[in-house]
Each structure stands twice: as C-alpha cells, then as structure tokens.
Amino acid sequence: MNVLVTNDDGYGEWGIEAVIESLSKKHNVYVIAPAGNQSGKSHSIHLSKPLEVKKITDGHWTTSGTPADCVITGLKSDIIKEKIDVVVSGINKGRNVGTDICYSGTCGAAKQAVIQGVPGIAVSLHLMGCGVNDWSDKSAWNFKPLADFVTNNLETLASLCVHTDEGKVCPKPAVFVNVNAISADSYSKAEFTDVSFCEYCNDTVEFKQTGFDVKSLFIPGKVETKSRTYSDWDAMLEGKIAVSRVVAEPVTRYDDVNLDSISFSL
C-alpha cells in the first residue's frame, strides 16, 4: 500500500520515526509532517497564507502548516506521484482518547484524510504515571510494539473507515480510526471500544495587562477520564490496544431524536 504518514508533534519526533521504520518494511511510505510542534491544532487549516514546503529527502517533506494542511498537501497537490491508499497520523506522544479527540492535531489529520476519501488512522501512545522528566526521556517510551501493530493490521484498520468514493455522497457518515495504547513491551489484545469523556478540572486563564496590551495564558488543570460504556480509556488501563471508529463528516440527522415531532415558532 502507498501510505502517507504525518503527525502533530513534528517531523523527526520519536513516534513518527517509529511508525515510518515499521511501515517501510511492508509498504511504500511517504512523509509530509509539520516542521515543528503543532499539538492541539485540531482540524485547523491555512486559508490565506501560503505554506512553506521543504523537501528533507526522497519521499519526505515538512510544511509550515498544521497536520490537516499536511494531508491536504499530500492528497491534493502533485508532490506525491502515486495514489495514496491510507493516511497514518502519529504515533502521537501522549493519548488521544475521548474528548482529547476534539483538540488533537493527530486526529485532525486522520479526519481530513477521510473527508478527502482516503482512510485515516490516528495513533497515539500514553505514558502512565509519567512525570516531567519522563516525558522527555526517550527510554521511557516504547513506540515499536504499537507501530508494528499498525503495520501488521494496516489493511484491516483501513477497511474500518467508511469514506466517500470519487466525489459521490457516502450513504453513511465517514469515520476515521483512532488507535490508543499505553507504552508497553506487548499488549494482551486489541479491542473495539467506545470513546471516553474527559472532564477538565481547575483550568485557569492568566491575564497580564500592560497599557493597552493584554496577554492571556491558558493553564490546564487536572483531567479526569470517565466512561459511559466500555471505552478507549478502559481498554488502555487493561493493557489492551483501544480501537475506536470516530465520525469525521457532519451528521445531518440523529436517530435518537424524532425531529418530525419538533416544531419551531417564527
């Protein structure tokens, strides 16, 4: 398969290097990744400012844009001559479960792929109980087992994405696949899961005003992860790989609401 790899941590980071190395053993791999860290950029794209695209080596480029910009560049331009069969985004340094999906640039790239009619797979690795020093300690992170899982199951993961075909309207909402696991030497199994719910506690915003200039700094607090059903977070805590299918395209009607029974006053 022809695989486009991107991420939101930036080109050359440990997670993307691990998945590139693994995928390259079985597939044709192309890389278009942000030149620097683009974490938390969700599905944002550049609309008016041209992107800077830099060739690193054959089949590898960086851009000044977001993860979604990287996917658009790879799929819409002629920079890659081959037809891309699947987009793999990651491996992200840190989880992307539940509500994290809304903010994640890793997931934003997979979502953009699906909207363009190409299967998208977001992959993230979590380090349990890590401190500040652990986060920057390469030896604390083991990306290889999860990278090999993606390589060995790439066709299956791609088949889980319902996507548009040659511009035709898809009869079902398109989805991307979100894969999460804790850093470990091995996993007991891979499990289909629902997504959890993240409650952000004690977030604060610090304002500093000097004359007419105001600076604002968001300071995250504690994150409490909760489950409605068997979730991605539950599977990770059990030492499993969590595989979730997440809606990527807008849904115009929900089966759990009888819209015909609702009227509006004008």
C-alpha atoms as a PDB file:
ATOM      1  CA  MET A   1       0.000   0.000   0.000  1.00  0.00           C
ATOM      2  CA  ASN A   2       1.021   3.611  -0.527  1.00  0.00           C
ATOM      3  CA  VAL A   3       0.965   5.247   2.898  1.00  0.00           C
ATOM      4  CA  LEU A   4       1.104   8.947   3.741  1.00  0.00           C
ATOM      5  CA  VAL A   5       2.449   9.484   7.270  1.00  0.00           C
ATOM      6  CA  THR A   6       2.048  12.704   9.231  1.00  0.00           C
ATOM      7  CA  ASN A   7       1.769  13.782  12.880  1.00  0.00           C
ATOM      8  CA  ASP A   8       1.311  16.820  15.088  1.00  0.00           C
ATOM      9  CA  ASP A   9       4.472  16.519  17.229  1.00  0.00           C
ATOM     10  CA  GLY A  10       6.616  17.454  14.252  1.00  0.00           C
ATOM     11  CA  TYR A  11       8.907  15.797  11.753  1.00  0.00           C
ATOM     12  CA  GLY A  12      11.671  13.688  13.311  1.00  0.00           C
ATOM     13  CA  GLU A  13       9.902  13.055  16.622  1.00  0.00           C
ATOM     14  CA  TRP A  14      10.212   9.591  18.181  1.00  0.00           C
ATOM     15  CA  GLY A  15       6.689   8.391  17.433  1.00  0.00           C
ATOM     16  CA  ILE A  16       6.624   9.256  13.758  1.00  0.00           C
ATOM     17  CA  GLU A  17      10.114   7.813  13.271  1.00  0.00           C
ATOM     18  CA  ALA A  18       8.998   4.512  14.822  1.00  0.00           C
ATOM     19  CA  VAL A  19       5.930   4.161  12.610  1.00  0.00           C
ATOM     20  CA  ILE A  20       7.867   5.144   9.482  1.00  0.00           C
ATOM     21  CA  GLU A  21      10.502   2.498  10.207  1.00  0.00           C
ATOM     22  CA  SER A  22       7.878  -0.193  10.810  1.00  0.00           C
ATOM     23  CA  LEU A  23       5.592   0.650   7.877  1.00  0.00           C
ATOM     24  CA  SER A  24       8.521   0.879   5.469  1.00  0.00           C
ATOM     25  CA  LYS A  25       9.179  -2.853   5.893  1.00  0.00           C
ATOM     26  CA  LYS A  26       5.908  -3.735   4.125  1.00  0.00           C
ATOM     27  CA  HIS A  27       4.600  -0.609   2.408  1.00  0.00           C
ATOM     28  CA  ASN A  28       5.597   2.405   0.322  1.00  0.00           C
ATOM     29  CA  VAL A  29       5.827   5.270   2.791  1.00  0.00           C
ATOM     30  CA  TYR A  30       5.651   8.992   2.072  1.00  0.00           C
ATOM     31  CA  VAL A  31       6.006  11.568   4.826  1.00  0.00           C
ATOM     32  CA  ILE A  32       4.610  15.097   4.999  1.00  0.00           C
ATOM     33  CA  ALA A  33       4.762  16.398   8.567  1.00  0.00           C
ATOM     34  CA  PRO A  34       4.806  19.761  10.320  1.00  0.00           C
ATOM     35  CA  ALA A  35       8.239  21.357  10.615  1.00  0.00           C
ATOM     36  CA  GLY A  36       7.581  21.972  14.319  1.00  0.00           C
ATOM     37  CA  ASN A  37       5.163  21.035  17.066  1.00  0.00           C
ATOM     38  CA  GLN A  38       1.523  21.519  16.069  1.00  0.00           C
ATOM     39  CA  SER A  39      -0.126  19.771  19.023  1.00  0.00           C
ATOM     40  CA  GLY A  40      -3.624  20.941  19.901  1.00  0.00           C
ATOM     41  CA  LYS A  41      -4.267  22.385  16.443  1.00  0.00           C
ATOM     42  CA  SER A  42      -7.257  20.065  15.926  1.00  0.00           C
ATOM     43  CA  HIS A  43      -8.524  20.317  12.323  1.00  0.00           C
ATOM     44  CA  SER A  44      -7.326  23.857  11.640  1.00  0.00           C
ATOM     45  CA  ILE A  45      -6.006  24.732   8.174  1.00  0.00           C
ATOM     46  CA  HIS A  46      -4.318  27.690   6.496  1.00  0.00           C
ATOM     47  CA  LEU A  47      -6.681  29.576   4.202  1.00  0.00           C
ATOM     48  CA  SER A  48      -4.877  32.719   3.044  1.00  0.00           C
ATOM     49  CA  LYS A  49      -1.184  32.356   3.899  1.00  0.00           C
ATOM     50  CA  PRO A  50       0.867  30.125   1.561  1.00  0.00           C
ATOM     51  CA  LEU A  51       2.553  27.134   3.172  1.00  0.00           C
ATOM     52  CA  GLU A  52       6.287  26.622   3.061  1.00  0.00           C
ATOM     53  CA  VAL A  53       7.070  23.086   1.895  1.00  0.00           C
ATOM     54  CA  LYS A  54      10.613  21.790   2.306  1.00  0.00           C
ATOM     55  CA  LYS A  55      11.981  18.544   0.903  1.00  0.00           C
ATOM     56  CA  ILE A  56      14.037  16.659   3.501  1.00  0.00           C
ATOM     57  CA  THR A  57      14.858  13.556   1.478  1.00  0.00           C
ATOM     58  CA  ASP A  58      13.202  11.456  -1.214  1.00  0.00           C
ATOM     59  CA  GLY A  59       9.549  10.996  -0.223  1.00  0.00           C
ATOM     60  CA  HIS A  60       9.891  13.163   2.902  1.00  0.00           C
ATOM     61  CA  TRP A  61       8.742  16.777   3.247  1.00  0.00           C
ATOM     62  CA  THR A  62       7.941  19.221   6.032  1.00  0.00           C
ATOM     63  CA  THR A  63       5.460  22.087   5.928  1.00  0.00           C
ATOM     64  CA  SER A  64       4.920  25.241   7.936  1.00  0.00           C
ATOM     65  CA  GLY A  65       1.277  24.224   8.362  1.00  0.00           C
ATOM     66  CA  THR A  66      -0.893  22.062  10.571  1.00  0.00           C
ATOM     67  CA  PRO A  67      -1.359  18.279  10.383  1.00  0.00           C
ATOM     68  CA  ALA A  68      -4.521  18.771   8.317  1.00  0.00           C
ATOM     69  CA  ASP A  69      -2.548  21.053   5.973  1.00  0.00           C
ATOM     70  CA  CYS A  70      -0.005  18.256   5.543  1.00  0.00           C
ATOM     71  CA  VAL A  71      -2.746  15.831   4.471  1.00  0.00           C
ATOM     72  CA  ILE A  72      -4.244  18.336   2.040  1.00  0.00           C
ATOM     73  CA  THR A  73      -0.788  18.918   0.558  1.00  0.00           C
ATOM     74  CA  GLY A  74      -0.185  15.200   0.163  1.00  0.00           C
ATOM     75  CA  LEU A  75      -3.563  14.343  -1.337  1.00  0.00           C
ATOM     76  CA  LYS A  76      -4.445  17.439  -3.352  1.00  0.00           C
ATOM     77  CA  SER A  77      -1.108  18.514  -4.834  1.00  0.00           C
ATOM     78  CA  ASP A  78       1.108  16.589  -7.236  1.00  0.00           C
ATOM     79  CA  ILE A  79       4.001  16.430  -4.786  1.00  0.00           C
ATOM     80  CA  ILE A  80       3.403  12.652  -4.456  1.00  0.00           C
ATOM     81  CA  LYS A  81       3.019  10.976  -7.827  1.00  0.00           C
ATOM     82  CA  GLU A  82       1.455   7.758  -6.512  1.00  0.00           C
ATOM     83  CA  LYS A  83      -2.153   7.391  -5.341  1.00  0.00           C
ATOM     84  CA  ILE A  84      -2.253   7.284  -1.543  1.00  0.00           C
ATOM     85  CA  ASP A  85      -4.196   4.323  -0.135  1.00  0.00           C
ATOM     86  CA  VAL A  86      -4.222   5.287   3.544  1.00  0.00           C
ATOM     87  CA  VAL A  87      -3.073   8.089   5.850  1.00  0.00           C
ATOM     88  CA  VAL A  88      -1.445   7.236   9.189  1.00  0.00           C
ATOM     89  CA  SER A  89      -1.176  10.082  11.687  1.00  0.00           C
ATOM     90  CA  GLY A  90       1.174   9.618  14.628  1.00  0.00           C
ATOM     91  CA  ILE A  91       2.392   7.970  16.643  1.00  0.00           C
ATOM     92  CA  ASN A  92       1.464  10.810  18.965  1.00  0.00           C
ATOM     93  CA  LYS A  93       3.418  11.307  22.172  1.00  0.00           C
ATOM     94  CA  GLY A  94       0.505  11.155  24.610  1.00  0.00           C
ATOM     95  CA  ARG A  95      -3.009   9.775  24.487  1.00  0.00           C
ATOM     96  CA  ASN A  96      -5.867  10.982  22.318  1.00  0.00           C
ATOM     97  CA  VAL A  97      -8.912   9.412  23.910  1.00  0.00           C
ATOM     98  CA  GLY A  98     -12.446  10.694  24.406  1.00  0.00           C
ATOM     99  CA  THR A  99     -12.685  14.463  24.498  1.00  0.00           C
ATOM    100  CA  ASP A 100      -8.984  14.759  23.586  1.00  0.00           C
ATOM    101  CA  ILE A 101     -10.059  13.884  20.042  1.00  0.00           C
ATOM    102  CA  CYS A 102     -11.681  17.329  19.677  1.00  0.00           C
ATOM    103  CA  TYR A 103      -8.373  19.117  20.272  1.00  0.00           C
ATOM    104  CA  SER A 104      -5.934  16.672  18.712  1.00  0.00           C
ATOM    105  CA  GLY A 105      -3.970  17.580  15.607  1.00  0.00           C
ATOM    106  CA  THR A 106      -3.192  13.877  15.254  1.00  0.00           C
ATOM    107  CA  CYS A 107      -6.904  13.117  14.933  1.00  0.00           C
ATOM    108  CA  GLY A 108      -7.463  16.214  12.797  1.00  0.00           C
ATOM    109  CA  ALA A 109      -5.116  14.807  10.157  1.00  0.00           C
ATOM    110  CA  ALA A 110      -6.922  11.436  10.082  1.00  0.00           C
ATOM    111  CA  LYS A 111     -10.249  13.260   9.855  1.00  0.00           C
ATOM    112  CA  GLN A 112      -9.019  15.347   6.928  1.00  0.00           C
ATOM    113  CA  ALA A 113      -7.934  12.190   5.102  1.00  0.00           C
ATOM    114  CA  VAL A 114     -11.384  10.626   5.426  1.00  0.00           C
ATOM    115  CA  ILE A 115     -13.121  13.790   4.240  1.00  0.00           C
ATOM    116  CA  GLN A 116     -10.939  13.585   1.125  1.00  0.00           C
ATOM    117  CA  GLY A 117     -11.989   9.976   0.564  1.00  0.00           C
ATOM    118  CA  VAL A 118      -8.884   8.234   1.918  1.00  0.00           C
ATOM    119  CA  PRO A 119      -8.895   6.006   5.034  1.00  0.00           C
ATOM    120  CA  GLY A 120      -7.379   7.821   8.010  1.00  0.00           C
ATOM    121  CA  ILE A 121      -5.822   6.229  11.080  1.00  0.00           C
ATOM    122  CA  ALA A 122      -4.776   8.240  14.153  1.00  0.00           C
ATOM    123  CA  VAL A 123      -2.327   6.510  16.505  1.00  0.00           C
ATOM    124  CA  SER A 124      -1.322   7.636  19.999  1.00  0.00           C
ATOM    125  CA  LEU A 125       0.798   6.258  22.849  1.00  0.00           C
ATOM    126  CA  HIS A 126       0.313   7.132  26.514  1.00  0.00           C
ATOM    127  CA  LEU A 127       2.898   7.005  29.284  1.00  0.00           C
ATOM    128  CA  MET A 128       1.214   6.019  32.532  1.00  0.00           C
ATOM    129  CA  GLY A 129       2.194   7.884  35.701  1.00  0.00           C
ATOM    130  CA  CYS A 130       4.805   9.970  33.945  1.00  0.00           C
ATOM    131  CA  GLY A 131       6.489  12.975  35.445  1.00  0.00           C
ATOM    132  CA  VAL A 132       8.015  15.995  33.734  1.00  0.00           C
ATOM    133  CA  ASN A 133      11.380  14.253  33.354  1.00  0.00           C
ATOM    134  CA  ASP A 134       9.824  11.056  31.957  1.00  0.00           C
ATOM    135  CA  TRP A 135       8.104  12.983  29.168  1.00  0.00           C
ATOM    136  CA  SER A 136      11.457  13.973  27.665  1.00  0.00           C
ATOM    137  CA  ASP A 137      13.208  10.653  28.413  1.00  0.00           C
ATOM    138  CA  LYS A 138      13.295   8.617  25.203  1.00  0.00           C
ATOM    139  CA  SER A 139      13.980   5.386  27.090  1.00  0.00           C
ATOM    140  CA  ALA A 140      10.627   5.722  28.900  1.00  0.00           C
ATOM    141  CA  TRP A 141       8.711   5.472  25.610  1.00  0.00           C
ATOM    142  CA  ASN A 142       8.314   2.226  23.674  1.00  0.00           C
ATOM    143  CA  PHE A 143       6.706   3.101  20.330  1.00  0.00           C
ATOM    144  CA  LYS A 144       7.768  -0.044  18.446  1.00  0.00           C
ATOM    145  CA  PRO A 145       5.050  -2.527  19.592  1.00  0.00           C
ATOM    146  CA  LEU A 146       2.249  -0.116  18.655  1.00  0.00           C
ATOM    147  CA  ALA A 147       3.974   0.802  15.385  1.00  0.00           C
ATOM    148  CA  ASP A 148       4.244  -2.896  14.499  1.00  0.00           C
ATOM    149  CA  PHE A 149       0.559  -3.395  15.344  1.00  0.00           C
ATOM    150  CA  VAL A 150      -0.381  -0.697  12.848  1.00  0.00           C
ATOM    151  CA  THR A 151       1.889  -2.202  10.179  1.00  0.00           C
ATOM    152  CA  ASN A 152       0.625  -5.757  10.675  1.00  0.00           C
ATOM    153  CA  ASN A 153      -3.037  -4.668  10.638  1.00  0.00           C
ATOM    154  CA  LEU A 154      -2.942  -1.754   8.223  1.00  0.00           C
ATOM    155  CA  GLU A 155      -5.358  -3.211   5.678  1.00  0.00           C
ATOM    156  CA  THR A 156      -7.844  -4.177   8.393  1.00  0.00           C
ATOM    157  CA  LEU A 157      -7.686  -0.763  10.063  1.00  0.00           C
ATOM    158  CA  ALA A 158      -8.134   0.988   6.726  1.00  0.00           C
ATOM    159  CA  SER A 159     -11.175  -1.154   5.928  1.00  0.00           C
ATOM    160  CA  LEU A 160     -12.911   0.186   9.048  1.00  0.00           C
ATOM    161  CA  CYS A 161     -13.116   3.658   7.503  1.00  0.00           C
ATOM    162  CA  VAL A 162     -16.317   4.370   5.591  1.00  0.00           C
ATOM    163  CA  HIS A 163     -15.331   7.037   3.105  1.00  0.00           C
ATOM    164  CA  THR A 164     -16.523   8.880   0.039  1.00  0.00           C
ATOM    165  CA  ASP A 165     -15.817   7.398  -3.367  1.00  0.00           C
ATOM    166  CA  GLU A 166     -14.911   9.563  -6.357  1.00  0.00           C
ATOM    167  CA  GLY A 167     -16.839  12.531  -5.009  1.00  0.00           C
ATOM    168  CA  LYS A 168     -20.084  10.616  -4.522  1.00  0.00           C
ATOM    169  CA  VAL A 169     -22.083  11.231  -1.346  1.00  0.00           C
ATOM    170  CA  CYS A 170     -21.409   8.486   1.169  1.00  0.00           C
ATOM    171  CA  PRO A 171     -24.596   6.755   2.409  1.00  0.00           C
ATOM    172  CA  LYS A 172     -23.190   6.698   5.951  1.00  0.00           C
ATOM    173  CA  PRO A 173     -21.128   9.248   7.877  1.00  0.00           C
ATOM    174  CA  ALA A 174     -17.423   8.782   7.125  1.00  0.00           C
ATOM    175  CA  VAL A 175     -15.286   7.700  10.064  1.00  0.00           C
ATOM    176  CA  PHE A 176     -11.625   7.600  10.922  1.00  0.00           C
ATOM    177  CA  VAL A 177      -9.985   5.015  13.155  1.00  0.00           C
ATOM    178  CA  ASN A 178      -8.455   6.130  16.446  1.00  0.00           C
ATOM    179  CA  VAL A 179      -5.872   3.791  17.992  1.00  0.00           C
ATOM    180  CA  ASN A 180      -4.565   4.270  21.548  1.00  0.00           C
ATOM    181  CA  ALA A 181      -2.372   2.255  23.899  1.00  0.00           C
ATOM    182  CA  ILE A 182      -0.082   2.730  26.870  1.00  0.00           C
ATOM    183  CA  SER A 183       3.669   2.443  26.406  1.00  0.00           C
ATOM    184  CA  ALA A 184       4.429  -1.263  26.914  1.00  0.00           C
ATOM    185  CA  ASP A 185       6.543  -4.121  25.586  1.00  0.00           C
ATOM    186  CA  SER A 186       3.452  -6.048  24.452  1.00  0.00           C
ATOM    187  CA  TYR A 187      -0.353  -5.992  24.562  1.00  0.00           C
ATOM    188  CA  SER A 188      -2.875  -8.646  25.592  1.00  0.00           C
ATOM    189  CA  LYS A 189      -5.204  -7.907  22.660  1.00  0.00           C
ATOM    190  CA  ALA A 190      -6.777  -5.167  20.551  1.00  0.00           C
ATOM    191  CA  GLU A 191     -10.352  -4.242  21.484  1.00  0.00           C
ATOM    192  CA  PHE A 192     -13.080  -2.224  19.777  1.00  0.00           C
ATOM    193  CA  THR A 193     -14.197   0.499  22.178  1.00  0.00           C
ATOM    194  CA  ASP A 194     -16.466   3.461  22.629  1.00  0.00           C
ATOM    195  CA  VAL A 195     -14.811   6.806  23.447  1.00  0.00           C
ATOM    196  CA  SER A 196     -14.476   8.091  26.990  1.00  0.00           C
ATOM    197  CA  PHE A 197     -15.304  11.529  28.371  1.00  0.00           C
ATOM    198  CA  CYS A 198     -12.616  13.847  29.723  1.00  0.00           C
ATOM    199  CA  GLU A 199     -13.593  16.327  32.417  1.00  0.00           C
ATOM    200  CA  TYR A 200     -11.162  19.210  32.698  1.00  0.00           C
ATOM    201  CA  CYS A 201     -10.934  20.390  36.290  1.00  0.00           C
ATOM    202  CA  ASN A 202      -9.460  23.617  37.671  1.00  0.00           C
ATOM    203  CA  ASP A 203      -8.426  25.092  34.321  1.00  0.00           C
ATOM    204  CA  THR A 204      -7.420  28.731  34.687  1.00  0.00           C
ATOM    205  CA  VAL A 205      -6.585  31.626  32.398  1.00  0.00           C
ATOM    206  CA  GLU A 206      -3.923  34.092  33.476  1.00  0.00           C
ATOM    207  CA  PHE A 207      -4.269  37.660  32.182  1.00  0.00           C
ATOM    208  CA  LYS A 208      -1.492  40.228  32.182  1.00  0.00           C
ATOM    209  CA  GLN A 209      -2.224  43.776  31.025  1.00  0.00           C
ATOM    210  CA  THR A 210       0.383  46.397  30.196  1.00  0.00           C
ATOM    211  CA  GLY A 211      -1.190  49.585  28.914  1.00  0.00           C
ATOM    212  CA  PHE A 212      -3.412  48.566  26.014  1.00  0.00           C
ATOM    213  CA  ASP A 213      -1.674  45.180  25.581  1.00  0.00           C
ATOM    214  CA  VAL A 214      -3.265  42.106  27.161  1.00  0.00           C
ATOM    215  CA  LYS A 215      -1.582  38.714  27.297  1.00  0.00           C
ATOM    216  CA  SER A 216      -3.578  35.589  28.058  1.00  0.00           C
ATOM    217  CA  LEU A 217      -2.148  32.233  29.147  1.00  0.00           C
ATOM    218  CA  PHE A 218      -4.255  29.081  29.464  1.00  0.00           C
ATOM    219  CA  ILE A 219      -3.134  26.898  32.367  1.00  0.00           C
ATOM    220  CA  PRO A 220      -4.561  23.363  32.218  1.00  0.00           C
ATOM    221  CA  GLY A 221      -5.655  21.691  35.406  1.00  0.00           C
ATOM    222  CA  LYS A 222      -6.383  18.078  36.262  1.00  0.00           C
ATOM    223  CA  VAL A 223      -8.012  15.792  33.694  1.00  0.00           C
ATOM    224  CA  GLU A 224     -10.465  13.170  34.937  1.00  0.00           C
ATOM    225  CA  THR A 225     -11.301  10.483  32.384  1.00  0.00           C
ATOM    226  CA  LYS A 226     -14.717   8.863  32.689  1.00  0.00           C
ATOM    227  CA  SER A 227     -16.511   6.146  30.741  1.00  0.00           C
ATOM    228  CA  ARG A 228     -20.091   5.916  29.558  1.00  0.00           C
ATOM    229  CA  THR A 229     -19.637   2.352  28.286  1.00  0.00           C
ATOM    230  CA  TYR A 230     -16.546   0.205  27.679  1.00  0.00           C
ATOM    231  CA  SER A 231     -14.196   2.901  26.451  1.00  0.00           C
ATOM    232  CA  ASP A 232     -10.789   3.544  24.953  1.00  0.00           C
ATOM    233  CA  TRP A 233      -9.506   4.515  28.408  1.00  0.00           C
ATOM    234  CA  ASP A 234     -10.837   1.291  29.973  1.00  0.00           C
ATOM    235  CA  ALA A 235      -9.054  -0.831  27.368  1.00  0.00           C
ATOM    236  CA  MET A 236      -5.796   1.039  27.844  1.00  0.00           C
ATOM    237  CA  LEU A 237      -5.901   0.525  31.608  1.00  0.00           C
ATOM    238  CA  GLU A 238      -6.273  -3.212  30.951  1.00  0.00           C
ATOM    239  CA  GLY A 239      -3.130  -3.258  28.818  1.00  0.00           C
ATOM    240  CA  LYS A 240      -5.012  -3.527  25.531  1.00  0.00           C
ATOM    241  CA  ILE A 241      -4.898  -1.555  22.306  1.00  0.00           C
ATOM    242  CA  ALA A 242      -8.060   0.534  22.008  1.00  0.00           C
ATOM    243  CA  VAL A 243      -9.527   0.820  18.509  1.00  0.00           C
ATOM    244  CA  SER A 244     -12.374   3.313  18.052  1.00  0.00           C
ATOM    245  CA  ARG A 245     -14.296   4.460  14.974  1.00  0.00           C
ATOM    246  CA  VAL A 246     -14.956   8.201  15.139  1.00  0.00           C
ATOM    247  CA  VAL A 247     -17.340  10.179  12.909  1.00  0.00           C
ATOM    248  CA  ALA A 248     -15.416  12.537  10.632  1.00  0.00           C
ATOM    249  CA  GLU A 249     -18.134  14.066   8.470  1.00  0.00           C
ATOM    250  CA  PRO A 250     -21.098  16.160   9.642  1.00  0.00           C
ATOM    251  CA  VAL A 251     -24.207  14.201  10.557  1.00  0.00           C
ATOM    252  CA  THR A 252     -27.454  15.866   9.459  1.00  0.00           C
ATOM    253  CA  ARG A 253     -29.873  13.643  11.367  1.00  0.00           C
ATOM    254  CA  TYR A 254     -29.632  11.697  14.610  1.00  0.00           C
ATOM    255  CA  ASP A 255     -31.637   8.510  15.071  1.00  0.00           C
ATOM    256  CA  ASP A 256     -32.101   9.144  18.809  1.00  0.00           C
ATOM    257  CA  VAL A 257     -34.160  12.318  18.211  1.00  0.00           C
ATOM    258  CA  ASN A 258     -37.532  12.344  16.473  1.00  0.00           C
ATOM    259  CA  LEU A 259     -37.143  15.566  14.526  1.00  0.00           C
ATOM    260  CA  ASP A 260     -40.602  15.208  12.947  1.00  0.00           C
ATOM    261  CA  SER A 261     -42.184  15.793  16.368  1.00  0.00           C
ATOM    262  CA  ILE A 262     -40.424  19.131  16.894  1.00  0.00           C
ATOM    263  CA  SER A 263     -41.815  22.442  15.644  1.00  0.00           C
ATOM    264  CA  PHE A 264     -40.400  25.978  15.776  1.00  0.00           C
ATOM    265  CA  SER A 265     -42.147  29.267  16.394  1.00  0.00           C
ATOM    266  CA  LEU A 266     -41.462  32.081  13.959  1.00  0.00           C
END
